[in-house]
């Protein structure tokens, strides 16, 4: 089936309840026909993990257990539907923290079994990409730049639900680098928003290296940049000097953003993309959004990004991706397992390949 045929396919109506518990947000949403968000309830654990400077998997799992039933009830109530109205139950199958994923998978399997309706396992990154489908019309083929706490990837989507990884991080993801640099600067967790804010206040940033890797590579590497920031901080400390945190933040962010933007544009051009999509939690970064908007404007390449409420982990995006499988009858069995290293390409819809 061609991309054009997929775009004009007659939609199969569906009211999907989705569950997302891959990391430190417990979320349940109900989405109609893959586009209409009837409810999207998110309970964040940020305040809990802030005291530890990062997500503690054991604590995250326990909080999901405590929250999931209440969040599910709230989502159903806000959507104004009955459980018997549901067409299917979707859940993040992976990747993510295995203990956290298990909570969502068990809850979704139990609900699907009790209601005797289909179950759909969803890839977390597919969800981030298709969060854009909740607010934009997608045109294939497109390239997605996925930037979140644990993922930095360039993904080609040739037709609905068919994914090909063009490049990915070889070490620290961009979000991880932000958090590690923020910690070194004494900023609270999560560090990304704090670094972004300081960068916007600086007049001029310190000069830091860019990791371009091989000339034709779409991969990323940010561990060296993180080390460069630590070296600047250590040298200043040994000399008894003080460097304005705004200058460090701006230099770091400029280095990350330049590499992300240039590789994304190059990948879009190389693959003949009709759109460039931004996805993932770091998609909320103002510096990255501004740079992509400016560069895409010069290239006359349409840039799509979800609203900030759909950038971080949420169940509405999982429902949007699940609809790709629902339309084609590609359902999961009740022996579905949480898969912390689930492959995006392997998850692609079968009928589009």
Protein backbone atom coordinates (compact mmCIF):
# COMPACT_ATOMS: atom_id res chain seq x y z
CA UNK A 1 0.00 0.00 0.00
CA UNK A 2 1.39 3.39 -0.99
CA UNK A 3 1.62 6.49 1.22
CA UNK A 4 -1.06 8.21 -0.84
CA UNK A 5 -3.45 5.28 -0.43
CA UNK A 6 -2.89 5.31 3.31
CA UNK A 7 -3.63 9.02 3.56
CA UNK A 8 -7.08 8.59 1.99
CA UNK A 9 -8.00 5.37 3.78
CA UNK A 10 -11.54 5.33 5.22
CA UNK A 11 -11.09 5.67 8.99
CA UNK A 12 -12.28 2.92 11.29
CA UNK A 13 -14.11 4.51 14.23
CA UNK A 14 -12.61 3.77 17.61
CA UNK A 15 -12.70 5.02 21.19
CA UNK A 16 -9.35 4.04 22.67
CA UNK A 17 -8.35 4.25 26.32
CA UNK A 18 -4.57 4.45 26.63
CA UNK A 19 -2.22 3.99 29.58
CA UNK A 20 1.30 5.46 29.84
CA UNK A 21 3.68 4.54 32.71
CA UNK A 22 7.07 4.26 31.02
CA UNK A 23 8.98 6.51 33.43
CA UNK A 24 7.79 9.05 35.99
CA UNK A 25 4.38 10.15 34.70
CA UNK A 26 1.22 8.13 35.31
CA UNK A 27 -1.23 8.98 32.54
CA UNK A 28 -4.53 7.72 31.16
CA UNK A 29 -6.32 9.22 28.16
CA UNK A 30 -9.35 8.50 26.02
CA UNK A 31 -9.04 9.48 22.36
CA UNK A 32 -11.65 9.15 19.63
CA UNK A 33 -10.65 8.12 16.09
CA UNK A 34 -6.98 8.81 16.80
CA UNK A 35 -7.54 12.58 16.78
CA UNK A 36 -10.15 13.82 19.27
CA UNK A 37 -8.82 13.95 22.83
CA UNK A 38 -11.75 13.33 25.17
CA UNK A 39 -9.51 13.28 28.26
CA UNK A 40 -5.78 13.20 29.02
CA UNK A 41 -4.94 12.98 32.73
CA UNK A 42 -1.27 13.14 33.75
CA UNK A 43 0.14 12.71 37.25
CA UNK A 44 3.80 13.75 37.43
CA UNK A 45 6.32 12.41 39.95
CA UNK A 46 8.81 15.24 39.42
CA UNK A 47 8.50 16.59 42.95
CA UNK A 48 9.15 13.13 44.39
CA UNK A 49 12.30 12.46 42.32
CA UNK A 50 13.64 16.02 42.61
CA UNK A 51 15.13 15.28 46.03
CA UNK A 52 17.22 12.47 44.51
CA UNK A 53 18.42 14.46 41.50
CA UNK A 54 16.88 12.00 39.04
CA UNK A 55 14.31 9.25 38.58
CA UNK A 56 14.57 6.36 41.06
CA UNK A 57 13.03 3.32 39.27
CA UNK A 58 11.80 1.55 42.42
CA UNK A 59 10.03 4.68 43.69
CA UNK A 60 8.58 5.40 40.24
CA UNK A 61 7.05 1.90 40.06
CA UNK A 62 5.50 2.20 43.52
CA UNK A 63 3.95 5.57 42.72
CA UNK A 64 2.46 4.19 39.50
CA UNK A 65 0.83 1.41 41.54
CA UNK A 66 -0.62 3.96 43.96
CA UNK A 67 -1.89 6.30 41.21
CA UNK A 68 -3.05 4.17 38.28
CA UNK A 69 -6.59 3.32 39.47
CA UNK A 70 -7.39 6.90 40.47
CA UNK A 71 -6.00 8.31 37.21
CA UNK A 72 -7.98 5.77 35.19
CA UNK A 73 -11.22 6.67 36.97
CA UNK A 74 -10.58 10.39 36.50
CA UNK A 75 -9.89 9.96 32.76
CA UNK A 76 -13.13 8.05 32.22
CA UNK A 77 -15.11 10.62 34.19
CA UNK A 78 -13.59 13.60 32.33
CA UNK A 79 -14.22 11.93 28.97
CA UNK A 80 -17.90 11.52 29.79
CA UNK A 81 -17.98 7.91 28.62
CA UNK A 82 -18.69 4.51 30.11
CA UNK A 83 -16.17 1.70 30.11
CA UNK A 84 -18.57 -0.26 27.90
CA UNK A 85 -18.23 2.47 25.24
CA UNK A 86 -14.54 1.69 24.73
CA UNK A 87 -13.34 0.01 21.53
CA UNK A 88 -9.86 -0.97 22.74
CA UNK A 89 -7.27 -0.48 25.47
CA UNK A 90 -3.76 0.66 24.53
CA UNK A 91 -0.64 0.73 26.68
CA UNK A 92 3.00 1.69 26.40
CA UNK A 93 4.81 -1.62 25.93
CA UNK A 94 8.30 -0.08 25.79
CA UNK A 95 10.89 1.27 25.86
CA UNK A 96 11.12 2.53 29.42
CA UNK A 97 11.80 1.43 32.99
CA UNK A 98 10.73 -2.19 33.20
CA UNK A 99 9.07 -1.92 36.62
CA UNK A 100 7.16 1.21 35.60
CA UNK A 101 6.08 -0.33 32.30
CA UNK A 102 4.80 -3.44 34.09
CA UNK A 103 2.33 -1.42 36.14
CA UNK A 104 0.70 0.01 33.03
CA UNK A 105 0.79 -3.28 31.12
CA UNK A 106 -0.89 -5.20 33.96
CA UNK A 107 -3.55 -2.51 34.38
CA UNK A 108 -4.29 -2.40 30.62
CA UNK A 109 -4.40 -6.19 30.26
CA UNK A 110 -6.74 -6.48 33.23
CA UNK A 111 -9.11 -3.85 31.85
CA UNK A 112 -9.09 -5.28 28.32
CA UNK A 113 -9.74 -8.77 29.68
CA UNK A 114 -12.57 -7.63 31.97
CA UNK A 115 -14.27 -5.66 29.17
CA UNK A 116 -13.48 -8.31 26.55
CA UNK A 117 -12.11 -5.73 24.12
CA UNK A 118 -8.84 -5.66 22.13
CA UNK A 119 -5.46 -4.78 23.63
CA UNK A 120 -2.85 -2.77 21.71
CA UNK A 121 0.79 -2.52 22.81
CA UNK A 122 2.42 0.76 21.73
CA UNK A 123 6.01 1.91 21.22
CA UNK A 124 6.73 4.96 23.37
CA UNK A 125 8.62 6.85 20.62
CA UNK A 126 5.83 6.17 18.12
CA UNK A 127 3.61 7.91 20.64
CA UNK A 128 5.85 10.97 20.84
CA UNK A 129 5.94 11.22 17.05
CA UNK A 130 2.18 10.80 16.61
CA UNK A 131 1.39 13.35 19.32
CA UNK A 132 1.65 15.67 16.32
CA UNK A 133 -1.30 13.88 14.68
CA UNK A 134 -3.53 15.16 17.48
CA UNK A 135 -3.03 18.76 16.30
CA UNK A 136 -1.62 18.64 12.75
CA UNK A 137 -2.28 16.96 9.41
CA UNK A 138 0.71 14.76 8.63
CA UNK A 139 2.06 14.41 5.10
CA UNK A 140 4.25 11.46 4.17
CA UNK A 141 7.11 10.90 3.96
CA UNK A 142 8.34 12.99 6.88
CA UNK A 143 11.34 13.00 9.22
CA UNK A 144 10.90 13.27 12.98
CA UNK A 145 13.50 14.66 15.38
CA UNK A 146 12.79 12.93 18.69
CA UNK A 147 14.47 14.60 21.66
CA UNK A 148 13.56 13.43 25.15
CA UNK A 149 15.22 12.52 28.43
CA UNK A 150 16.44 9.13 27.24
CA UNK A 151 16.19 9.37 23.45
CA UNK A 152 17.70 11.46 20.67
CA UNK A 153 16.78 10.04 17.28
CA UNK A 154 16.09 10.98 13.69
CA UNK A 155 13.28 8.83 12.34
CA UNK A 156 11.99 8.60 8.78
CA UNK A 157 8.26 7.80 8.53
CA UNK A 158 7.53 6.72 4.97
CA UNK A 159 3.80 6.03 5.45
CA UNK A 160 1.47 5.84 8.46
CA UNK A 161 3.15 3.83 11.19
CA UNK A 162 6.18 2.71 9.16
CA UNK A 163 9.42 3.80 10.85
CA UNK A 164 13.08 3.79 9.89
CA UNK A 165 15.81 4.97 12.26
CA UNK A 166 18.21 7.29 10.41
CA UNK A 167 20.34 8.26 13.39
CA UNK A 168 20.42 7.98 17.17
CA UNK A 169 22.56 8.89 20.14
CA UNK A 170 25.71 6.85 20.72
CA UNK A 171 25.96 7.82 24.40
CA UNK A 172 24.07 10.46 26.40
CA UNK A 173 20.77 11.60 24.95
CA UNK A 174 20.32 15.37 24.77
CA UNK A 175 17.97 15.37 27.75
CA UNK A 176 20.44 13.37 29.84
CA UNK A 177 23.21 15.79 28.94
CA UNK A 178 21.00 18.73 30.01
CA UNK A 179 20.33 17.09 33.38
CA UNK A 180 24.00 16.23 34.00
CA UNK A 181 25.19 19.71 33.10
CA UNK A 182 22.46 21.25 35.26
CA UNK A 183 23.53 19.08 38.19
CA UNK A 184 27.16 20.19 37.76
CA UNK A 185 25.95 23.81 37.80
CA UNK A 186 23.96 23.23 40.99
CA UNK A 187 20.57 23.57 39.30
CA UNK A 188 17.49 21.59 40.40
CA UNK A 189 16.15 18.46 38.67
CA UNK A 190 14.87 18.28 35.99
CA UNK A 191 17.66 20.45 34.63
CA UNK A 192 16.52 21.09 31.06
CA UNK A 193 14.04 23.92 31.74
CA UNK A 194 16.51 25.66 34.07
CA UNK A 195 19.35 25.54 31.54
CA UNK A 196 16.98 26.75 28.80
CA UNK A 197 15.87 29.69 30.97
CA UNK A 198 19.43 30.72 31.86
CA UNK A 199 20.51 30.43 28.22
CA UNK A 200 17.81 32.89 27.25
CA UNK A 201 19.17 35.44 29.75
CA UNK A 202 22.77 35.40 28.48
CA UNK A 203 24.27 37.93 26.13
CA UNK A 204 27.07 35.68 24.91
CA UNK A 205 27.80 32.05 25.66
CA UNK A 206 31.16 30.40 26.23
CA UNK A 207 32.49 28.55 23.17
CA UNK A 208 32.07 24.78 23.42
CA UNK A 209 32.75 21.97 20.90
CA UNK A 210 30.24 20.46 18.45
CA UNK A 211 30.23 16.67 17.96
CA UNK A 212 29.48 16.16 14.27
CA UNK A 213 30.90 12.59 14.08
CA UNK A 214 31.45 11.20 10.56
CA UNK A 215 30.61 13.46 7.63
CA UNK A 216 27.62 11.38 6.50
CA UNK A 217 26.38 10.33 9.95
CA UNK A 218 22.98 11.23 11.37
CA UNK A 219 24.00 9.90 14.80
CA UNK A 220 24.50 12.07 17.88
CA UNK A 221 26.99 12.18 20.76
CA UNK A 222 26.72 14.54 23.73
CA UNK A 223 28.97 12.94 26.36
CA UNK A 224 32.00 14.89 25.11
CA UNK A 225 30.10 18.17 25.35
CA UNK A 226 29.07 17.34 28.91
CA UNK A 227 32.73 16.64 29.72
CA UNK A 228 33.76 19.95 28.14
CA UNK A 229 31.36 21.83 30.42
CA UNK A 230 32.71 20.00 33.48
CA UNK A 231 36.26 20.91 32.40
CA UNK A 232 35.33 24.61 32.15
CA UNK A 233 33.77 24.51 35.62
CA UNK A 234 36.75 22.68 37.14
CA UNK A 235 39.33 25.01 35.58
CA UNK A 236 37.45 28.06 36.82
CA UNK A 237 37.25 26.55 40.30
CA UNK A 238 40.99 25.81 40.42
CA UNK A 239 41.78 29.38 39.37
CA UNK A 240 39.31 30.85 41.84
CA UNK A 241 37.33 32.38 38.99
CA UNK A 242 33.59 32.67 38.58
CA UNK A 243 31.83 32.16 35.27
CA UNK A 244 28.30 33.43 34.90
CA UNK A 245 25.97 30.40 34.79
CA UNK A 246 24.02 32.11 31.99
CA UNK A 247 27.12 32.02 29.75
CA UNK A 248 27.70 28.33 30.46
CA UNK A 249 24.05 27.51 29.82
CA UNK A 250 23.98 29.43 26.56
CA UNK A 251 27.23 27.92 25.29
CA UNK A 252 26.00 24.42 26.10
CA UNK A 253 22.58 24.95 24.57
CA UNK A 254 23.99 26.52 21.41
CA UNK A 255 26.22 23.49 20.90
CA UNK A 256 23.39 20.99 21.40
CA UNK A 257 20.88 22.91 19.30
CA UNK A 258 23.22 23.54 16.36
CA UNK A 259 23.96 19.83 15.98
CA UNK A 260 20.31 18.79 16.38
CA UNK A 261 19.06 21.35 13.87
CA UNK A 262 21.69 20.85 11.20
CA UNK A 263 21.44 17.05 11.26
CA UNK A 264 17.64 17.17 11.22
CA UNK A 265 17.61 19.49 8.20
CA UNK A 266 20.20 17.39 6.40
CA UNK A 267 18.22 14.20 7.05
CA UNK A 268 14.98 15.80 5.84
CA UNK A 269 16.65 16.93 2.63
CA UNK A 270 18.34 13.58 2.04
CA UNK A 271 15.08 11.65 2.42
CA UNK A 272 12.87 14.07 0.51
CA UNK A 273 10.71 14.77 3.54
CA UNK A 274 7.56 16.85 3.08
CA UNK A 275 7.60 17.86 6.76
CA UNK A 276 9.96 17.92 9.72
CA UNK A 277 8.35 16.89 13.01
CA UNK A 278 9.67 17.74 16.47
CA UNK A 279 8.77 15.33 19.26
CA UNK A 280 9.66 14.42 22.85
CA UNK A 281 10.03 16.24 26.15
CA UNK A 282 12.96 18.39 25.03
CA UNK A 283 10.72 19.63 22.20
CA UNK A 284 9.47 22.10 24.81
CA UNK A 285 12.93 23.75 24.83
CA UNK A 286 12.51 27.34 23.61
CA UNK A 287 16.01 27.60 22.18
CA UNK A 288 15.56 24.45 20.09
CA UNK A 289 12.13 25.47 18.84
CA UNK A 290 13.30 28.93 17.83
CA UNK A 291 16.35 27.62 15.99
CA UNK A 292 14.32 24.98 14.12
CA UNK A 293 11.65 27.51 13.16
CA UNK A 294 14.27 29.90 11.78
CA UNK A 295 16.15 27.17 9.86
CA UNK A 296 13.02 25.50 8.48
CA UNK A 297 11.76 28.90 7.39
CA UNK A 298 14.92 29.46 5.36
CA UNK A 299 14.65 25.98 3.83
CA UNK A 300 10.89 26.36 3.20
CA UNK A 301 10.37 23.08 5.03
CA UNK A 302 7.16 22.84 7.11
CA UNK A 303 7.93 22.31 10.80
CA UNK A 304 5.36 20.62 13.03
CA UNK A 305 5.56 20.50 16.81
CA UNK A 306 2.96 19.54 19.40
CA UNK A 307 1.81 21.97 22.09
CA UNK A 308 3.84 21.88 25.28
CA UNK A 309 1.15 19.79 27.02
CA UNK A 310 1.75 16.95 24.52
CA UNK A 311 5.56 17.11 24.51
CA UNK A 312 6.15 15.34 27.81
CA UNK A 313 4.97 11.77 28.46
CA UNK A 314 1.19 11.47 28.23
CA UNK A 315 -1.35 8.82 27.30
CA UNK A 316 -3.07 10.79 24.51
CA UNK A 317 0.01 10.33 22.33
CA UNK A 318 -0.09 6.58 23.06
CA UNK A 319 -3.72 6.45 21.92
CA UNK A 320 -2.83 8.34 18.73
CA UNK A 321 -0.14 5.79 17.86
CA UNK A 322 -2.38 2.88 18.87
CA UNK A 323 -4.96 4.02 16.31
CA UNK A 324 -2.48 3.14 13.55
CA UNK A 325 -2.68 -0.49 14.68
CA UNK A 326 -6.41 -0.37 15.45
CA UNK A 327 -7.29 0.72 11.90
CA UNK A 328 -5.52 -2.33 10.51
CA UNK A 329 -6.64 -4.86 13.09
CA UNK A 330 -3.09 -5.40 14.35
CA UNK A 331 -3.85 -6.24 17.96
CA UNK A 332 -1.84 -7.62 20.87
CA UNK A 333 -2.53 -10.78 22.82
CA UNK A 334 -3.13 -10.87 26.56
CA UNK A 335 0.32 -12.37 27.09
CA UNK A 336 1.81 -8.98 26.10
CA UNK A 337 5.03 -8.30 28.02
CA UNK A 338 6.75 -5.06 28.98
CA UNK A 339 9.81 -4.61 26.75
CA UNK A 340 12.28 -1.98 28.05
CA UNK A 341 14.31 -2.06 24.80
CA UNK A 342 11.49 -2.47 22.27
CA UNK A 343 12.53 -1.72 18.66
CA UNK A 344 10.64 1.08 16.90
CA UNK A 345 11.24 -0.36 13.43
CA UNK A 346 9.97 -3.79 14.52
CA UNK A 347 6.84 -2.17 15.97
CA UNK A 348 5.93 -0.61 12.58
CA UNK A 349 2.50 -1.49 11.19
CA UNK A 350 2.69 -4.62 9.07
CA UNK A 351 0.37 -3.66 6.24
CA UNK A 352 2.32 -0.49 5.46
CA UNK A 353 5.70 -2.20 5.05
